[in-house]
Amino acid sequence: MSINLNEMPKLGFGLMRLPEKDGQIDLDQVCSMVDRYMEAGLNYFDTAYVYHGGKSEVAAREAVVRRYPRDSFRIATKLPAWEMKTEADRDRIFNEQLARAGVDYFDFYLLHSVEDGNIDTYERLNCFSWGLEKKKEGKIRHFGFSFHGSPELLVKVLDEHPEVEFVQIQLNYADWKNPVVRSGQLYHILHERKLPIIIMEPVKGGTLARLKPELEEKLRRVRPDASIASWAFRFVASLPGIMTILSGMSEEDQMKDNIDTFTSFEPLSAVETDALEEVTSIMLDIPLIGCTGCGYCRDGCPAGISIPDVFRALNTMTLYDEEFRPTAFYRGLVNSGASGKASDCAACGQCESVCPQHLPVIELMKEAARKLDA
């Protein structure tokens, strides 16, 4: 059964950044957001074994699976290389995921975050052939992988595994020509092969929802009533071959704005494209930490440092040339116990081993300690 792009919702609900209350997923708010999303005729939910410390799949069960008919929604989840040692771990994790999500099958199933550092694990444990077996058993409808590696690796994996039905990549206007992410190259490789493409990080972890005031003004002069985030979504959605664009929505306002963008979707015009290229050129002259807030580093940090939040503080300092607000934000995290101090970093390297953006986290923690712990 092939994937019909025309039947797929262009906006997918990413369950990685769900709203929280008292340190737990705010299920009432998630249910409300799910209802609004479904009422708009959208139905693709993206989760993973590791999101929210393993609780995202459970949230999907409570907010979606138990409240809607099974044929009314699509649910996707992922198999993480870093949680597996033997082939037996594949089924152990998969069966746990079925139980967590409360389903008999997954509509879309992905090998999680394929990259140069873990492709050997997926190959050694025969995860591609295992995925096909699960598909034959009816436990998976469509099989693919999410990707954070190089264009060269992407070509190699696709050549060796033509059975893959779709690929999920990070793509946004800021990363289109990024020499590390190279999302433009990844897109062209997939589009040339006519593989359906799922997009993650279209707003780059929220970074592209709030720009420097002078950059926002350039966009508002062209389209006064449009949100800044909508520019990022429209850039991606204007590309051919895109199956679904994921948004890790964490509040009702984000949900409403995104639904408005897609239900009355207009591709970027030539004038808008020129304006966005100008903004991108100026923005990329400012060196920022390319963190998307996925949280993989935070979940295993022995010092309990909320690394993405620390990077958010550093980037805010850089973007807005101020210290008061980012420093207050950081101190609030530390004083509330939500994060260890940057200076607590033991340089164990756990964070760097799982970072999809391949950031030099240890060195950046030293910088954060100098700027934020002084």
Protein backbone atom coordinates (compact mmCIF):
# COMPACT_ATOMS: atom_id res chain seq x y z
CA MET A 1 0.00 0.00 0.00
CA SER A 2 1.75 3.14 -1.23
CA ILE A 3 1.53 6.53 0.43
CA ASN A 4 -0.86 8.94 -1.27
CA LEU A 5 0.49 12.43 -0.60
CA ASN A 6 -2.86 13.97 -1.45
CA GLU A 7 -4.49 12.10 1.42
CA MET A 8 -1.91 13.12 4.01
CA PRO A 9 -2.43 16.14 6.28
CA LYS A 10 0.22 18.77 5.62
CA LEU A 11 0.39 19.71 9.33
CA GLY A 12 1.43 16.95 11.72
CA PHE A 13 1.07 17.18 15.50
CA GLY A 14 4.50 16.51 17.02
CA LEU A 15 4.24 15.13 20.55
CA MET A 16 7.76 16.05 21.65
CA ARG A 17 7.09 19.43 23.27
CA LEU A 18 3.72 18.88 24.96
CA PRO A 19 2.49 21.38 27.56
CA GLU A 20 3.40 20.50 31.14
CA LYS A 21 1.97 21.31 34.55
CA ASP A 22 3.86 20.66 37.77
CA GLY A 23 6.50 18.75 35.85
CA GLN A 24 4.02 16.38 34.17
CA ILE A 25 2.32 16.41 30.78
CA ASP A 26 -0.82 18.54 31.05
CA LEU A 27 -3.21 15.96 29.64
CA ASP A 28 -6.28 18.19 29.81
CA GLN A 29 -4.61 20.79 27.63
CA VAL A 30 -3.25 18.12 25.28
CA CYS A 31 -6.79 16.71 24.84
CA SER A 32 -8.10 20.19 24.07
CA MET A 33 -5.37 20.72 21.47
CA VAL A 34 -5.98 17.30 19.94
CA ASP A 35 -9.68 18.10 19.60
CA ARG A 36 -8.96 21.39 17.83
CA TYR A 37 -6.47 19.68 15.54
CA MET A 38 -8.85 16.84 14.64
CA GLU A 39 -11.76 19.24 14.12
CA ALA A 40 -9.64 20.97 11.47
CA GLY A 41 -9.53 17.71 9.51
CA LEU A 42 -5.92 16.91 10.50
CA ASN A 43 -4.90 13.55 11.94
CA TYR A 44 -1.14 12.77 11.95
CA PHE A 45 0.43 12.33 15.39
CA ASP A 46 4.20 11.91 15.72
CA THR A 47 5.68 10.46 18.90
CA ALA A 48 8.74 8.41 19.89
CA TYR A 49 9.93 5.95 22.52
CA VAL A 50 12.11 8.57 24.21
CA TYR A 51 9.93 11.71 24.05
CA HIS A 52 8.97 13.21 27.41
CA GLY A 53 11.01 10.56 29.19
CA GLY A 54 8.91 7.79 27.68
CA LYS A 55 5.55 9.39 28.45
CA SER A 56 4.72 10.83 25.04
CA GLU A 57 3.37 7.56 23.67
CA VAL A 58 1.19 7.22 26.76
CA ALA A 59 -0.11 10.75 26.20
CA ALA A 60 -0.98 9.74 22.63
CA ARG A 61 -2.99 6.84 24.00
CA GLU A 62 -4.89 8.95 26.49
CA ALA A 63 -5.51 12.00 24.30
CA VAL A 64 -6.03 10.32 20.91
CA VAL A 65 -6.31 6.53 20.87
CA ARG A 66 -8.86 6.19 23.67
CA ARG A 67 -10.92 9.14 22.47
CA TYR A 68 -11.15 8.64 18.70
CA PRO A 69 -11.92 5.72 16.35
CA ARG A 70 -8.75 3.96 15.22
CA ASP A 71 -9.36 4.65 11.55
CA SER A 72 -9.73 8.39 12.15
CA PHE A 73 -6.07 9.11 12.96
CA ARG A 74 -2.54 8.17 11.97
CA ILE A 75 0.14 7.59 14.59
CA ALA A 76 3.90 7.41 14.05
CA THR A 77 6.62 6.38 16.47
CA LYS A 78 10.29 5.45 16.35
CA LEU A 79 12.85 2.80 17.32
CA PRO A 80 15.96 4.32 19.01
CA ALA A 81 19.37 2.82 18.27
CA TRP A 82 20.79 4.04 21.56
CA GLU A 83 18.32 1.92 23.56
CA MET A 84 19.30 -1.36 21.88
CA LYS A 85 22.11 -3.84 22.44
CA THR A 86 20.73 -7.04 20.89
CA GLU A 87 18.15 -8.04 18.30
CA ALA A 88 15.80 -9.02 21.13
CA ASP A 89 15.63 -5.34 22.09
CA ARG A 90 13.79 -4.54 18.86
CA ASP A 91 10.71 -6.53 19.82
CA ARG A 92 10.97 -5.61 23.49
CA ILE A 93 10.80 -1.91 22.65
CA PHE A 94 8.22 -2.36 19.91
CA ASN A 95 5.86 -4.34 22.13
CA GLU A 96 6.27 -1.77 24.88
CA GLN A 97 5.38 0.94 22.39
CA LEU A 98 2.21 -0.87 21.31
CA ALA A 99 1.18 -1.13 24.96
CA ARG A 100 2.05 2.48 25.75
CA ALA A 101 0.15 3.80 22.76
CA GLY A 102 -2.73 1.36 23.17
CA VAL A 103 -2.75 0.31 19.50
CA ASP A 104 -2.45 -2.94 17.55
CA TYR A 105 -0.39 -1.34 14.79
CA PHE A 106 1.45 1.86 13.92
CA ASP A 107 0.56 3.71 10.73
CA PHE A 108 4.13 4.96 10.32
CA TYR A 109 7.20 3.48 12.01
CA LEU A 110 10.69 4.97 11.84
CA LEU A 111 14.23 4.05 12.75
CA HIS A 112 15.01 7.04 14.93
CA SER A 113 17.61 9.64 13.98
CA VAL A 114 19.72 7.64 11.53
CA GLU A 115 23.16 9.21 11.28
CA ASP A 116 26.82 8.33 10.80
CA GLY A 117 27.20 7.49 14.49
CA ASN A 118 24.42 4.90 14.73
CA ILE A 119 23.81 3.44 11.29
CA ASP A 120 26.10 0.52 12.22
CA THR A 121 23.77 -0.34 15.11
CA TYR A 122 20.73 -0.40 12.86
CA GLU A 123 22.60 -2.55 10.33
CA ARG A 124 24.15 -4.89 12.92
CA LEU A 125 20.75 -5.55 14.49
CA ASN A 126 19.10 -6.01 11.06
CA CYS A 127 16.54 -3.32 11.82
CA PHE A 128 15.61 -2.66 8.20
CA SER A 129 14.65 -6.30 7.51
CA TRP A 130 12.96 -6.44 10.93
CA GLY A 131 10.84 -3.44 9.97
CA LEU A 132 9.70 -5.24 6.82
CA GLU A 133 8.77 -8.28 8.90
CA LYS A 134 6.64 -6.12 11.15
CA LYS A 135 4.98 -4.66 8.09
CA LYS A 136 4.16 -8.14 6.77
CA GLU A 137 2.69 -8.99 10.18
CA GLY A 138 0.41 -5.96 9.91
CA LYS A 139 2.02 -4.25 12.89
CA ILE A 140 3.39 -1.43 10.71
CA ARG A 141 1.62 0.15 7.75
CA HIS A 142 4.54 2.23 6.42
CA PHE A 143 8.25 1.90 7.27
CA GLY A 144 10.95 4.57 7.06
CA PHE A 145 13.49 6.48 9.10
CA SER A 146 14.24 9.92 10.45
CA PHE A 147 17.62 11.29 9.45
CA HIS A 148 20.27 13.58 10.91
CA GLY A 149 23.28 12.55 8.87
CA SER A 150 25.18 13.69 5.80
CA PRO A 151 23.88 13.70 2.22
CA GLU A 152 26.49 11.08 1.40
CA LEU A 153 25.14 8.74 4.09
CA LEU A 154 21.56 9.34 2.96
CA VAL A 155 22.42 8.21 -0.57
CA LYS A 156 24.20 5.13 0.79
CA VAL A 157 21.29 4.11 3.03
CA LEU A 158 18.72 4.62 0.27
CA ASP A 159 20.82 2.65 -2.23
CA GLU A 160 21.15 -0.25 0.21
CA HIS A 161 17.55 -0.14 1.41
CA PRO A 162 15.17 0.60 -1.47
CA GLU A 163 12.38 -0.87 0.67
CA VAL A 164 12.16 2.36 2.65
CA GLU A 165 8.85 4.13 1.92
CA PHE A 166 9.51 7.61 3.32
CA VAL A 167 12.17 9.66 5.12
CA GLN A 168 11.89 12.36 7.77
CA ILE A 169 14.45 15.16 7.68
CA GLN A 170 15.13 18.46 9.41
CA LEU A 171 14.36 21.29 7.03
CA ASN A 172 13.74 25.01 7.41
CA TYR A 173 14.82 28.16 5.62
CA ALA A 174 17.69 28.78 8.05
CA ASP A 175 19.14 25.29 7.51
CA TRP A 176 18.56 25.11 3.75
CA LYS A 177 22.20 25.99 3.07
CA ASN A 178 23.56 25.21 6.55
CA PRO A 179 26.94 23.49 5.96
CA VAL A 180 26.31 21.10 8.86
CA VAL A 181 22.63 20.21 8.36
CA ARG A 182 22.61 20.65 4.53
CA SER A 183 18.86 20.21 4.45
CA GLY A 184 18.56 21.57 0.92
CA GLN A 185 20.78 18.77 -0.35
CA LEU A 186 18.87 16.15 1.65
CA TYR A 187 15.60 17.41 0.22
CA HIS A 188 16.81 17.24 -3.37
CA ILE A 189 18.12 13.67 -2.91
CA LEU A 190 14.73 12.50 -1.64
CA HIS A 191 12.69 14.50 -4.13
CA GLU A 192 14.67 13.16 -7.07
CA ARG A 193 13.90 9.62 -5.87
CA LYS A 194 10.21 10.56 -5.46
CA LEU A 195 10.24 9.48 -1.82
CA PRO A 196 7.60 11.11 0.40
CA ILE A 197 9.26 13.52 2.82
CA ILE A 198 8.24 14.31 6.40
CA ILE A 199 9.67 17.52 7.78
CA MET A 200 10.79 18.06 11.36
CA GLU A 201 12.03 21.31 12.91
CA PRO A 202 10.35 23.57 10.31
CA VAL A 203 10.57 26.44 12.82
CA LYS A 204 13.96 25.23 14.14
CA GLY A 205 12.77 24.49 17.66
CA GLY A 206 10.88 27.81 17.82
CA THR A 207 13.89 29.89 16.81
CA LEU A 208 12.18 31.03 13.60
CA ALA A 209 8.99 32.05 15.40
CA ARG A 210 10.70 35.08 16.94
CA LEU A 211 13.36 37.04 15.07
CA LYS A 212 15.17 40.26 15.76
CA PRO A 213 12.65 43.14 15.58
CA GLU A 214 14.24 44.63 12.46
CA LEU A 215 14.01 41.27 10.68
CA GLU A 216 10.41 40.75 11.69
CA GLU A 217 9.63 44.22 10.34
CA LYS A 218 11.01 43.27 6.92
CA LEU A 219 8.55 40.36 6.76
CA ARG A 220 5.62 42.34 8.12
CA ARG A 221 6.07 45.00 5.47
CA VAL A 222 5.34 42.32 2.88
CA ARG A 223 2.59 40.44 4.76
CA PRO A 224 1.41 42.53 7.73
CA ASP A 225 -1.11 40.09 9.21
CA ALA A 226 0.98 36.92 9.04
CA SER A 227 2.72 35.49 12.09
CA ILE A 228 6.49 35.13 11.92
CA ALA A 229 6.18 31.37 12.40
CA SER A 230 3.87 31.09 9.41
CA TRP A 231 6.69 32.21 7.11
CA ALA A 232 8.74 29.19 8.18
CA PHE A 233 5.85 26.78 7.59
CA ARG A 234 4.98 28.28 4.22
CA PHE A 235 8.60 28.03 3.08
CA VAL A 236 8.57 24.28 3.69
CA ALA A 237 5.01 23.66 2.49
CA SER A 238 5.75 25.43 -0.80
CA LEU A 239 8.23 22.68 -1.73
CA PRO A 240 6.91 19.79 -3.87
CA GLY A 241 6.97 16.24 -2.52
CA ILE A 242 6.37 17.14 1.13
CA MET A 243 4.13 14.63 2.87
CA THR A 244 3.68 16.14 6.32
CA ILE A 245 5.25 18.99 8.27
CA LEU A 246 5.59 18.35 11.99
CA SER A 247 5.09 21.01 14.61
CA GLY A 248 5.86 20.34 18.26
CA MET A 249 2.97 22.44 19.49
CA SER A 250 2.93 23.17 23.21
CA GLU A 251 0.14 25.74 23.56
CA GLU A 252 -3.27 26.58 22.10
CA ASP A 253 -2.11 29.77 20.36
CA GLN A 254 0.52 27.85 18.40
CA MET A 255 -2.09 25.31 17.39
CA LYS A 256 -4.51 27.98 16.19
CA ASP A 257 -1.88 29.87 14.22
CA ASN A 258 -0.59 26.71 12.54
CA ILE A 259 -4.06 25.52 11.62
CA ASP A 260 -4.85 28.93 10.15
CA THR A 261 -1.66 28.77 8.08
CA PHE A 262 -2.48 25.40 6.58
CA THR A 263 -6.25 25.59 6.17
CA SER A 264 -5.88 28.74 4.08
CA PHE A 265 -2.48 27.83 2.67
CA GLU A 266 -0.82 30.01 0.06
CA PRO A 267 2.60 29.15 -1.40
CA LEU A 268 5.25 31.84 -1.07
CA SER A 269 5.07 34.44 -3.83
CA ALA A 270 8.16 35.70 -5.63
CA VAL A 271 8.13 38.87 -3.52
CA GLU A 272 7.79 36.89 -0.30
CA THR A 273 10.59 34.55 -1.33
CA ASP A 274 12.89 37.52 -1.93
CA ALA A 275 12.00 38.99 1.47
CA LEU A 276 12.66 35.69 3.23
CA GLU A 277 16.00 35.28 1.46
CA GLU A 278 17.04 38.74 2.58
CA VAL A 279 16.07 38.00 6.18
CA THR A 280 17.85 34.65 6.08
CA SER A 281 21.04 36.22 4.75
CA ILE A 282 21.10 38.80 7.54
CA MET A 283 20.13 36.29 10.21
CA LEU A 284 22.80 33.78 9.29
CA ASP A 285 25.47 36.41 9.73
CA ILE A 286 24.73 36.10 13.47
CA PRO A 287 26.38 32.93 14.83
CA LEU A 288 23.91 31.00 17.00
CA ILE A 289 23.96 27.59 18.68
CA GLY A 290 21.98 25.32 16.37
CA CYS A 291 20.01 23.60 19.13
CA THR A 292 16.45 22.52 18.24
CA GLY A 293 15.41 21.62 21.80
CA CYS A 294 14.90 17.89 21.17
CA GLY A 295 16.03 17.15 24.73
CA TYR A 296 18.02 13.97 24.04
CA CYS A 297 21.03 15.52 25.80
CA ARG A 298 18.99 16.59 28.82
CA ASP A 299 17.38 13.20 29.45
CA GLY A 300 20.68 11.48 30.19
CA CYS A 301 22.69 14.30 31.76
CA PRO A 302 24.11 13.07 35.10
CA ALA A 303 24.32 16.67 36.35
CA GLY A 304 20.66 17.31 35.52
CA ILE A 305 21.47 20.27 33.29
CA SER A 306 18.61 21.38 31.05
CA ILE A 307 21.03 21.87 28.17
CA PRO A 308 18.50 23.13 25.57
CA ASP A 309 17.33 25.82 28.00
CA VAL A 310 20.91 26.88 28.69
CA PHE A 311 21.46 27.22 24.93
CA ARG A 312 18.23 29.20 24.64
CA ALA A 313 19.63 31.68 27.16
CA LEU A 314 22.92 31.97 25.26
CA ASN A 315 21.18 32.44 21.91
CA THR A 316 18.91 35.10 23.38
CA MET A 317 21.97 36.97 24.61
CA THR A 318 23.43 36.85 21.11
CA LEU A 319 20.28 37.68 19.16
CA TYR A 320 19.05 40.53 21.30
CA ASP A 321 22.36 41.79 22.69
CA GLU A 322 21.10 41.80 26.26
CA GLU A 323 21.93 39.93 29.46
CA PHE A 324 19.16 40.65 31.96
CA ARG A 325 16.32 38.50 30.59
CA PRO A 326 18.35 35.43 29.56
CA THR A 327 20.30 35.52 32.83
CA ALA A 328 17.08 35.80 34.86
CA PHE A 329 15.59 32.94 32.86
CA TYR A 330 18.63 30.77 33.55
CA ARG A 331 18.77 31.56 37.25
CA GLY A 332 15.08 30.75 37.52
CA LEU A 333 15.76 27.30 36.08
CA VAL A 334 18.61 26.66 38.49
CA ASN A 335 16.89 28.04 41.58
CA SER A 336 13.72 26.04 40.91
CA GLY A 337 15.67 22.81 40.54
CA ALA A 338 14.65 22.46 36.89
CA SER A 339 18.30 22.49 35.84
CA GLY A 340 21.76 22.03 37.20
CA LYS A 341 24.28 24.81 36.63
CA ALA A 342 26.32 24.90 33.45
CA SER A 343 29.42 24.80 35.63
CA ASP A 344 28.23 21.41 36.98
CA CYS A 345 29.04 19.82 33.61
CA ALA A 346 31.39 16.87 34.13
CA ALA A 347 32.32 16.65 30.42
CA CYS A 348 31.18 13.01 30.32
CA GLY A 349 30.20 13.32 26.65
CA GLN A 350 26.79 11.62 26.95
CA CYS A 351 25.13 14.70 25.48
CA GLU A 352 27.39 14.87 22.46
CA SER A 353 26.86 11.18 21.68
CA VAL A 354 23.10 11.66 21.20
CA CYS A 355 22.92 15.22 19.81
CA PRO A 356 21.30 15.11 16.32
CA GLN A 357 22.87 18.50 15.53
CA HIS A 358 26.39 17.28 16.46
CA LEU A 359 26.94 20.28 18.71
CA PRO A 360 30.16 20.63 20.79
CA VAL A 361 28.07 20.65 23.96
CA ILE A 362 30.97 20.35 26.41
CA GLU A 363 32.69 23.45 25.04
CA LEU A 364 29.40 25.31 24.92
CA MET A 365 28.75 24.45 28.57
CA LYS A 366 32.08 26.07 29.43
CA GLU A 367 30.96 29.20 27.59
CA ALA A 368 27.62 29.09 29.40
CA ALA A 369 29.36 28.75 32.75
CA ARG A 370 31.47 31.85 32.01
CA LYS A 371 28.47 33.94 30.92
CA LEU A 372 25.69 32.66 33.16
CA ASP A 373 27.30 31.38 36.36
CA ALA A 374 29.57 34.39 36.87
